[in-house]
N, C-alpha and C. Protein backbone atom coordinates (compact mmCIF):
# COMPACT_ATOMS: atom_id res chain seq x y z
N MET A 1 21.53 -31.15 -2.56
CA MET A 1 21.13 -30.73 -3.89
C MET A 1 22.33 -30.11 -4.60
N SER A 2 22.53 -30.47 -5.82
CA SER A 2 23.62 -29.94 -6.62
C SER A 2 23.03 -29.14 -7.79
N LEU A 3 23.54 -27.94 -8.01
CA LEU A 3 23.05 -27.09 -9.09
C LEU A 3 24.01 -27.10 -10.27
N SER A 4 23.43 -27.05 -11.46
CA SER A 4 24.23 -26.90 -12.68
C SER A 4 23.67 -25.72 -13.46
N TRP A 5 24.34 -25.36 -14.54
CA TRP A 5 23.93 -24.19 -15.33
C TRP A 5 22.50 -24.29 -15.84
N THR A 6 22.00 -25.49 -16.04
CA THR A 6 20.64 -25.64 -16.57
C THR A 6 19.56 -25.46 -15.51
N ASP A 7 19.94 -25.35 -14.25
CA ASP A 7 18.97 -25.15 -13.16
C ASP A 7 18.72 -23.66 -12.94
N THR A 8 18.30 -22.99 -13.99
CA THR A 8 18.21 -21.52 -13.95
C THR A 8 17.26 -21.01 -12.87
N LEU A 9 16.10 -21.61 -12.71
CA LEU A 9 15.15 -21.15 -11.71
C LEU A 9 15.70 -21.35 -10.30
N ASP A 10 16.26 -22.51 -10.03
CA ASP A 10 16.83 -22.77 -8.71
C ASP A 10 17.99 -21.83 -8.42
N ILE A 11 18.81 -21.56 -9.42
CA ILE A 11 19.92 -20.61 -9.25
C ILE A 11 19.36 -19.22 -8.95
N ALA A 12 18.33 -18.81 -9.69
CA ALA A 12 17.74 -17.50 -9.47
C ALA A 12 17.20 -17.36 -8.05
N ILE A 13 16.56 -18.39 -7.55
CA ILE A 13 16.04 -18.36 -6.18
C ILE A 13 17.18 -18.22 -5.18
N GLU A 14 18.23 -18.99 -5.39
CA GLU A 14 19.39 -18.92 -4.49
C GLU A 14 20.04 -17.53 -4.54
N LEU A 15 20.16 -16.96 -5.73
CA LEU A 15 20.75 -15.62 -5.85
C LEU A 15 19.85 -14.57 -5.21
N TYR A 16 18.56 -14.70 -5.37
CA TYR A 16 17.60 -13.78 -4.75
C TYR A 16 17.77 -13.80 -3.23
N GLU A 17 17.94 -14.98 -2.67
CA GLU A 17 18.11 -15.11 -1.23
C GLU A 17 19.49 -14.65 -0.77
N ALA A 18 20.50 -14.87 -1.58
CA ALA A 18 21.87 -14.49 -1.22
C ALA A 18 22.14 -13.00 -1.38
N HIS A 19 21.42 -12.37 -2.31
CA HIS A 19 21.66 -10.95 -2.62
C HIS A 19 20.32 -10.19 -2.68
N PRO A 20 19.60 -10.11 -1.57
CA PRO A 20 18.26 -9.49 -1.60
C PRO A 20 18.28 -7.99 -1.93
N GLU A 21 19.41 -7.35 -1.71
CA GLU A 21 19.50 -5.91 -1.95
C GLU A 21 19.83 -5.57 -3.41
N VAL A 22 20.10 -6.56 -4.22
CA VAL A 22 20.57 -6.35 -5.59
C VAL A 22 19.40 -6.36 -6.57
N ASP A 23 19.42 -5.40 -7.49
CA ASP A 23 18.47 -5.39 -8.60
C ASP A 23 19.10 -6.20 -9.73
N PRO A 24 18.54 -7.36 -10.05
CA PRO A 24 19.16 -8.22 -11.06
C PRO A 24 19.25 -7.58 -12.45
N ARG A 25 18.45 -6.55 -12.69
CA ARG A 25 18.52 -5.86 -13.98
C ARG A 25 19.81 -5.06 -14.12
N GLN A 26 20.49 -4.80 -12.99
CA GLN A 26 21.71 -4.00 -12.98
C GLN A 26 22.98 -4.84 -12.83
N VAL A 27 22.84 -6.15 -12.78
CA VAL A 27 23.99 -7.03 -12.55
C VAL A 27 24.71 -7.31 -13.87
N ARG A 28 26.03 -7.14 -13.86
CA ARG A 28 26.83 -7.50 -15.03
C ARG A 28 26.92 -9.02 -15.13
N PHE A 29 27.00 -9.52 -16.34
CA PHE A 29 27.07 -10.96 -16.53
C PHE A 29 28.31 -11.58 -15.88
N THR A 30 29.40 -10.83 -15.84
CA THR A 30 30.60 -11.37 -15.19
C THR A 30 30.34 -11.59 -13.70
N ASP A 31 29.63 -10.65 -13.07
CA ASP A 31 29.28 -10.82 -11.66
C ASP A 31 28.25 -11.94 -11.48
N LEU A 32 27.28 -11.98 -12.36
CA LEU A 32 26.25 -13.02 -12.28
C LEU A 32 26.88 -14.41 -12.37
N MET A 33 27.80 -14.56 -13.26
CA MET A 33 28.48 -15.86 -13.42
C MET A 33 29.26 -16.20 -12.16
N GLN A 34 30.00 -15.24 -11.62
CA GLN A 34 30.80 -15.49 -10.42
C GLN A 34 29.90 -15.79 -9.22
N TRP A 35 28.84 -15.02 -9.04
CA TRP A 35 27.93 -15.25 -7.91
C TRP A 35 27.29 -16.63 -8.02
N THR A 36 26.97 -17.04 -9.23
CA THR A 36 26.40 -18.38 -9.42
C THR A 36 27.41 -19.45 -9.03
N MET A 37 28.64 -19.30 -9.48
CA MET A 37 29.67 -20.29 -9.16
C MET A 37 30.00 -20.29 -7.67
N ASP A 38 29.75 -19.17 -6.99
CA ASP A 38 30.03 -19.07 -5.56
C ASP A 38 28.94 -19.71 -4.69
N LEU A 39 27.78 -20.04 -5.29
CA LEU A 39 26.72 -20.67 -4.51
C LEU A 39 27.22 -22.01 -3.98
N PRO A 40 26.95 -22.30 -2.70
CA PRO A 40 27.46 -23.55 -2.10
C PRO A 40 26.99 -24.81 -2.83
N GLU A 41 25.78 -24.79 -3.38
CA GLU A 41 25.23 -25.97 -4.04
C GLU A 41 25.66 -26.10 -5.50
N PHE A 42 26.32 -25.06 -6.02
CA PHE A 42 26.66 -25.07 -7.44
C PHE A 42 27.86 -25.96 -7.71
N ASN A 43 27.72 -26.81 -8.74
CA ASN A 43 28.79 -27.73 -9.08
C ASN A 43 28.73 -28.03 -10.58
N ASP A 44 29.26 -27.11 -11.40
CA ASP A 44 29.29 -27.32 -12.84
C ASP A 44 30.51 -26.63 -13.41
N ASP A 45 30.86 -27.00 -14.61
CA ASP A 45 32.03 -26.48 -15.29
C ASP A 45 31.76 -25.06 -15.81
N PRO A 46 32.58 -24.08 -15.44
CA PRO A 46 32.39 -22.71 -15.93
C PRO A 46 32.40 -22.61 -17.46
N LYS A 47 33.07 -23.52 -18.11
CA LYS A 47 33.15 -23.49 -19.57
C LYS A 47 31.81 -23.82 -20.23
N ARG A 48 30.88 -24.38 -19.47
CA ARG A 48 29.56 -24.72 -20.01
C ARG A 48 28.60 -23.53 -19.98
N CYS A 49 29.04 -22.43 -19.38
CA CYS A 49 28.20 -21.24 -19.26
C CYS A 49 28.36 -20.35 -20.48
N GLY A 50 27.24 -19.77 -20.91
CA GLY A 50 27.26 -18.83 -22.02
C GLY A 50 26.27 -17.70 -21.76
N GLU A 51 26.22 -16.79 -22.70
CA GLU A 51 25.35 -15.62 -22.54
C GLU A 51 23.88 -16.01 -22.41
N LYS A 52 23.43 -17.00 -23.17
CA LYS A 52 22.03 -17.41 -23.11
C LYS A 52 21.67 -17.97 -21.73
N ILE A 53 22.58 -18.70 -21.13
CA ILE A 53 22.33 -19.23 -19.79
C ILE A 53 22.25 -18.10 -18.78
N LEU A 54 23.17 -17.15 -18.87
CA LEU A 54 23.16 -16.03 -17.95
C LEU A 54 21.91 -15.18 -18.14
N GLU A 55 21.47 -15.00 -19.37
CA GLU A 55 20.22 -14.28 -19.62
C GLU A 55 19.04 -15.00 -18.99
N ALA A 56 19.02 -16.32 -19.07
CA ALA A 56 17.93 -17.10 -18.48
C ALA A 56 17.94 -16.99 -16.95
N ILE A 57 19.11 -17.03 -16.36
CA ILE A 57 19.22 -16.88 -14.91
C ILE A 57 18.75 -15.49 -14.50
N GLN A 58 19.20 -14.48 -15.22
CA GLN A 58 18.81 -13.11 -14.92
C GLN A 58 17.30 -12.92 -15.05
N ALA A 59 16.71 -13.45 -16.10
CA ALA A 59 15.26 -13.33 -16.30
C ALA A 59 14.49 -14.02 -15.17
N ALA A 60 14.96 -15.19 -14.76
CA ALA A 60 14.29 -15.91 -13.67
C ALA A 60 14.43 -15.14 -12.36
N TRP A 61 15.56 -14.52 -12.15
CA TRP A 61 15.78 -13.73 -10.93
C TRP A 61 14.86 -12.51 -10.93
N ILE A 62 14.72 -11.86 -12.07
CA ILE A 62 13.80 -10.72 -12.18
C ILE A 62 12.38 -11.17 -11.86
N ASP A 63 12.00 -12.34 -12.37
CA ASP A 63 10.66 -12.88 -12.08
C ASP A 63 10.46 -13.12 -10.59
N GLU A 64 11.52 -13.48 -9.88
CA GLU A 64 11.42 -13.70 -8.44
C GLU A 64 11.08 -12.42 -7.70
N LEU A 65 11.42 -11.27 -8.26
CA LEU A 65 11.13 -10.00 -7.61
C LEU A 65 9.64 -9.68 -7.62
N ASP A 66 8.93 -10.18 -8.60
CA ASP A 66 7.51 -9.85 -8.76
C ASP A 66 6.61 -10.71 -7.92
């Protein structure tokens, strides 16, 4: 499976599993972007990422906590 920036829910699930101790409400977007790019399945151009995408990933990750 290959992840891209538009796979926000799948990215959120992977981040939740990779960083279970982290409160996604406290994550800086710079860290969120780097952690996403560090996922083994992630394969997309960093230039395609923007604030709206990071907000969507963060919101999906928060939803995973509930």
